[in-house]
Amino acid sequence: MEQPDSYQNLINLDSIRHKIFELYAFHFVPISQIHLNYGILL
């Protein structure tokens, strides 16, 4: 069963939103060396 494009776009948007949220979360969490290293690897 083929999914409509709008459904696929919704998934992509949600994925992007999740990524952005993670990036912002790193800035608000007290930055430990592990967070710093992980941020550099991204």
Protein backbone atom coordinates (compact mmCIF):
# COMPACT_ATOMS: atom_id res chain seq x y z
CA MET A 1 0.00 0.00 0.00
CA GLU A 2 1.52 3.29 -1.10
CA GLN A 3 1.52 6.19 1.32
CA PRO A 4 0.47 9.65 0.10
CA ASP A 5 3.20 12.28 -0.21
CA SER A 6 1.68 14.41 2.53
CA TYR A 7 2.12 11.53 4.98
CA GLN A 8 5.79 11.17 4.00
CA ASN A 9 6.32 14.93 4.36
CA LEU A 10 4.78 14.80 7.82
CA ILE A 11 7.29 12.12 8.86
CA ASN A 12 10.19 14.14 7.44
CA LEU A 13 9.07 17.28 9.27
CA ASP A 14 8.74 15.37 12.53
CA SER A 15 12.22 13.90 12.04
CA ILE A 16 13.70 17.35 11.39
CA ARG A 17 11.87 18.83 14.36
CA HIS A 18 13.27 16.06 16.56
CA LYS A 19 16.81 16.79 15.33
CA ILE A 20 16.44 20.51 16.02
CA PHE A 21 15.04 19.78 19.47
CA GLU A 22 18.07 17.60 20.24
CA LEU A 23 20.44 20.37 19.14
CA TYR A 24 18.68 22.92 21.35
CA ALA A 25 18.56 20.44 24.24
CA PHE A 26 22.36 20.19 24.15
CA HIS A 27 22.64 23.95 24.69
CA PHE A 28 20.30 23.99 27.69
CA VAL A 29 21.72 20.92 29.42
CA PRO A 30 24.78 21.57 31.61
CA ILE A 31 27.55 20.82 29.14
CA SER A 32 29.72 17.91 30.19
CA GLN A 33 32.74 16.73 28.22
CA ILE A 34 30.64 13.92 26.73
CA HIS A 35 28.05 16.39 25.41
CA LEU A 36 30.81 18.56 24.02
CA ASN A 37 32.45 15.63 22.21
CA TYR A 38 29.10 14.42 20.85
CA GLY A 39 28.31 17.91 19.57
CA ILE A 40 31.66 18.08 17.75
CA LEU A 41 31.05 14.66 16.16
CA LEU A 42 27.73 15.93 14.76
